[in-house]
Amino acid sequence: MSMGTPVTTTREVVEELLRRIGEGDPERIAALYAERGDWKLDWPEAEHGRAATPWIRHRTTRADAAEHYRQLAAHHVPGAAATVIETILVDGADAVVLGEIRQTARPTGRAYRARFALHLTVEGGLVTRHHVYEDSLAVARAFDPDGA
């Protein structure tokens, strides 16, 4: 490595990603993802209505990442969100972020909280894996027009 070359650690990339997510600019967030990656959300595929939660799907490209954050913002009430990060665990290229999201579903006006674990892999200063494990029942209930 030559002098002056910045060293970007997994923790630095994860912390910057979380900072950008908090700022809410989909293009700036997506710039931290590799052109191709492995993006999965732990949801029962056949059991949730895609119309109500279109951001919840598997993705593979940087452009997909930007679209995820645009759709997420479009389906939630602006200014009625918070994310509490409790722990960031780092092991080499892998990181796990534990916390809770707090959002309000735009179509129903229902607030919800959902615990999550986010598994990220960072290679070459970019995120190549984004796997989310969250309380999908809390999200589904907030978006259910019948309030079930």
Protein backbone atom coordinates (compact mmCIF):
# COMPACT_ATOMS: atom_id res chain seq x y z
CA MET A 1 0.00 0.00 0.00
CA SER A 2 1.38 3.39 -0.93
CA MET A 3 1.67 6.29 1.47
CA GLY A 4 -1.41 8.48 1.56
CA THR A 5 -3.79 5.70 0.49
CA PRO A 6 -6.74 5.79 2.85
CA VAL A 7 -7.39 2.63 4.78
CA THR A 8 -11.11 1.93 4.84
CA THR A 9 -12.06 -0.60 7.44
CA THR A 10 -15.28 -2.57 7.63
CA ARG A 11 -16.33 -0.53 10.67
CA GLU A 12 -15.66 2.77 8.87
CA VAL A 13 -17.76 1.73 5.86
CA VAL A 14 -20.60 0.47 8.08
CA GLU A 15 -20.60 3.64 10.18
CA GLU A 16 -20.61 5.79 7.03
CA LEU A 17 -23.45 3.70 5.57
CA LEU A 18 -25.52 4.19 8.73
CA ARG A 19 -24.76 7.93 8.67
CA ARG A 20 -25.92 8.19 5.05
CA ILE A 21 -29.05 6.14 5.72
CA GLY A 22 -29.85 8.61 8.49
CA GLU A 23 -29.39 11.52 6.07
CA GLY A 24 -31.80 9.86 3.64
CA ASP A 25 -30.22 10.56 0.21
CA PRO A 26 -30.74 7.31 -1.79
CA GLU A 27 -27.97 8.04 -4.31
CA ARG A 28 -25.38 8.80 -1.61
CA ILE A 29 -26.40 5.67 0.28
CA ALA A 30 -26.20 3.51 -2.85
CA ALA A 31 -22.70 4.83 -3.65
CA LEU A 32 -21.41 2.67 -0.76
CA TYR A 33 -22.72 -0.53 -2.38
CA ALA A 34 -20.77 -2.54 -4.96
CA GLU A 35 -22.15 -2.56 -8.51
CA ARG A 36 -23.30 -6.15 -7.91
CA GLY A 37 -24.09 -7.57 -4.51
CA ASP A 38 -26.14 -9.98 -2.45
CA TRP A 39 -29.13 -8.23 -0.89
CA LYS A 40 -31.79 -10.22 0.94
CA LEU A 41 -34.57 -9.46 3.37
CA ASP A 42 -35.81 -12.21 5.63
CA TRP A 43 -39.51 -12.11 4.79
CA PRO A 44 -41.97 -14.87 4.00
CA GLU A 45 -42.07 -14.21 0.24
CA ALA A 46 -45.51 -15.63 -0.49
CA GLU A 47 -47.18 -14.18 2.58
CA HIS A 48 -46.76 -10.43 2.26
CA GLY A 49 -48.46 -8.06 -0.11
CA ARG A 50 -45.91 -6.57 -2.48
CA ALA A 51 -48.19 -3.63 -3.23
CA ALA A 52 -48.09 -2.49 0.40
CA THR A 53 -44.35 -3.07 0.91
CA PRO A 54 -42.59 -2.95 -2.49
CA TRP A 55 -39.18 -2.12 -1.00
CA ILE A 56 -39.11 -5.56 0.61
CA ARG A 57 -37.56 -7.75 -2.07
CA HIS A 58 -34.23 -9.24 -3.02
CA ARG A 59 -31.86 -6.99 -4.94
CA THR A 60 -28.53 -7.37 -6.74
CA THR A 61 -27.30 -4.00 -8.05
CA ARG A 62 -26.26 -0.56 -6.80
CA ALA A 63 -29.25 0.92 -8.68
CA ASP A 64 -31.49 -1.55 -6.81
CA ALA A 65 -30.08 -0.26 -3.52
CA ALA A 66 -30.97 3.34 -4.42
CA GLU A 67 -34.48 2.23 -5.41
CA HIS A 68 -34.88 0.42 -2.08
CA TYR A 69 -34.23 3.62 -0.14
CA ARG A 70 -36.51 5.68 -2.45
CA GLN A 71 -39.38 3.20 -1.99
CA LEU A 72 -38.81 2.98 1.74
CA ALA A 73 -39.08 6.77 2.04
CA ALA A 74 -42.16 6.94 -0.20
CA HIS A 75 -44.08 4.48 1.98
CA HIS A 76 -43.32 6.05 5.35
CA VAL A 77 -44.24 9.36 6.97
CA PRO A 78 -41.31 11.81 6.71
CA GLY A 79 -39.99 12.98 10.05
CA ALA A 80 -41.75 10.16 11.91
CA ALA A 81 -38.84 7.73 11.86
CA ALA A 82 -35.89 6.82 14.01
CA THR A 83 -33.37 4.04 14.14
CA VAL A 84 -31.72 3.01 17.36
CA ILE A 85 -28.38 1.28 16.80
CA GLU A 86 -27.51 -0.81 19.83
CA THR A 87 -24.42 -2.70 18.69
CA ILE A 88 -22.09 -3.03 15.73
CA LEU A 89 -20.08 -6.25 15.74
CA VAL A 90 -17.19 -6.55 13.27
CA ASP A 91 -15.25 -9.66 12.28
CA GLY A 92 -12.97 -9.08 9.31
CA ALA A 93 -15.08 -8.18 6.27
CA ASP A 94 -18.33 -8.95 8.08
CA ALA A 95 -20.37 -6.74 10.36
CA VAL A 96 -23.66 -7.22 12.18
CA VAL A 97 -25.71 -4.21 13.22
CA LEU A 98 -28.35 -4.77 15.91
CA GLY A 99 -31.08 -2.31 16.69
CA GLU A 100 -34.66 -1.16 16.30
CA ILE A 101 -36.39 0.83 13.58
CA ARG A 102 -39.28 3.12 14.40
CA GLN A 103 -41.43 4.17 11.47
CA THR A 104 -44.97 5.25 10.57
CA ALA A 105 -46.67 3.63 7.61
CA ARG A 106 -47.85 6.34 5.23
CA PRO A 107 -50.93 4.49 3.88
CA THR A 108 -52.37 3.61 7.30
CA GLY A 109 -50.80 6.21 9.61
CA ARG A 110 -49.85 3.42 12.02
CA ALA A 111 -46.56 3.70 13.88
CA TYR A 112 -44.50 0.59 14.45
CA ARG A 113 -41.26 -0.61 15.96
CA ALA A 114 -39.30 -3.52 14.57
CA ARG A 115 -36.17 -5.14 15.96
CA PHE A 116 -33.54 -5.97 13.34
CA ALA A 117 -30.19 -7.56 12.66
CA LEU A 118 -28.35 -6.36 9.56
CA HIS A 119 -25.50 -8.55 8.24
CA LEU A 120 -23.14 -6.60 5.98
CA THR A 121 -20.00 -7.68 4.15
CA VAL A 122 -17.52 -5.04 3.01
CA GLU A 123 -14.99 -5.73 0.27
CA GLY A 124 -12.77 -3.10 -1.32
CA GLY A 125 -14.50 -0.36 0.68
CA LEU A 126 -17.97 -1.24 -0.65
CA VAL A 127 -20.87 -3.26 0.73
CA THR A 128 -21.23 -6.56 -1.14
CA ARG A 129 -23.75 -8.25 1.17
CA HIS A 130 -26.83 -6.69 2.81
CA HIS A 131 -29.00 -9.24 4.62
CA VAL A 132 -31.75 -7.95 6.91
CA TYR A 133 -33.50 -10.01 9.58
CA GLU A 134 -36.34 -7.99 11.07
CA ASP A 135 -39.66 -8.24 12.85
CA SER A 136 -41.62 -8.59 9.62
CA LEU A 137 -44.89 -9.13 11.50
CA ALA A 138 -44.69 -5.63 13.02
CA VAL A 139 -44.12 -4.12 9.56
CA ALA A 140 -46.88 -6.17 7.93
CA ARG A 141 -49.40 -5.18 10.63
CA ALA A 142 -48.60 -1.48 10.21
CA PHE A 143 -49.29 -1.68 6.47
CA ASP A 144 -52.36 -3.94 6.68
CA PRO A 145 -55.36 -1.80 5.65
CA ASP A 146 -57.59 -3.94 7.87
CA GLY A 147 -55.34 -3.46 10.88
CA ALA A 148 -55.08 -7.21 11.52
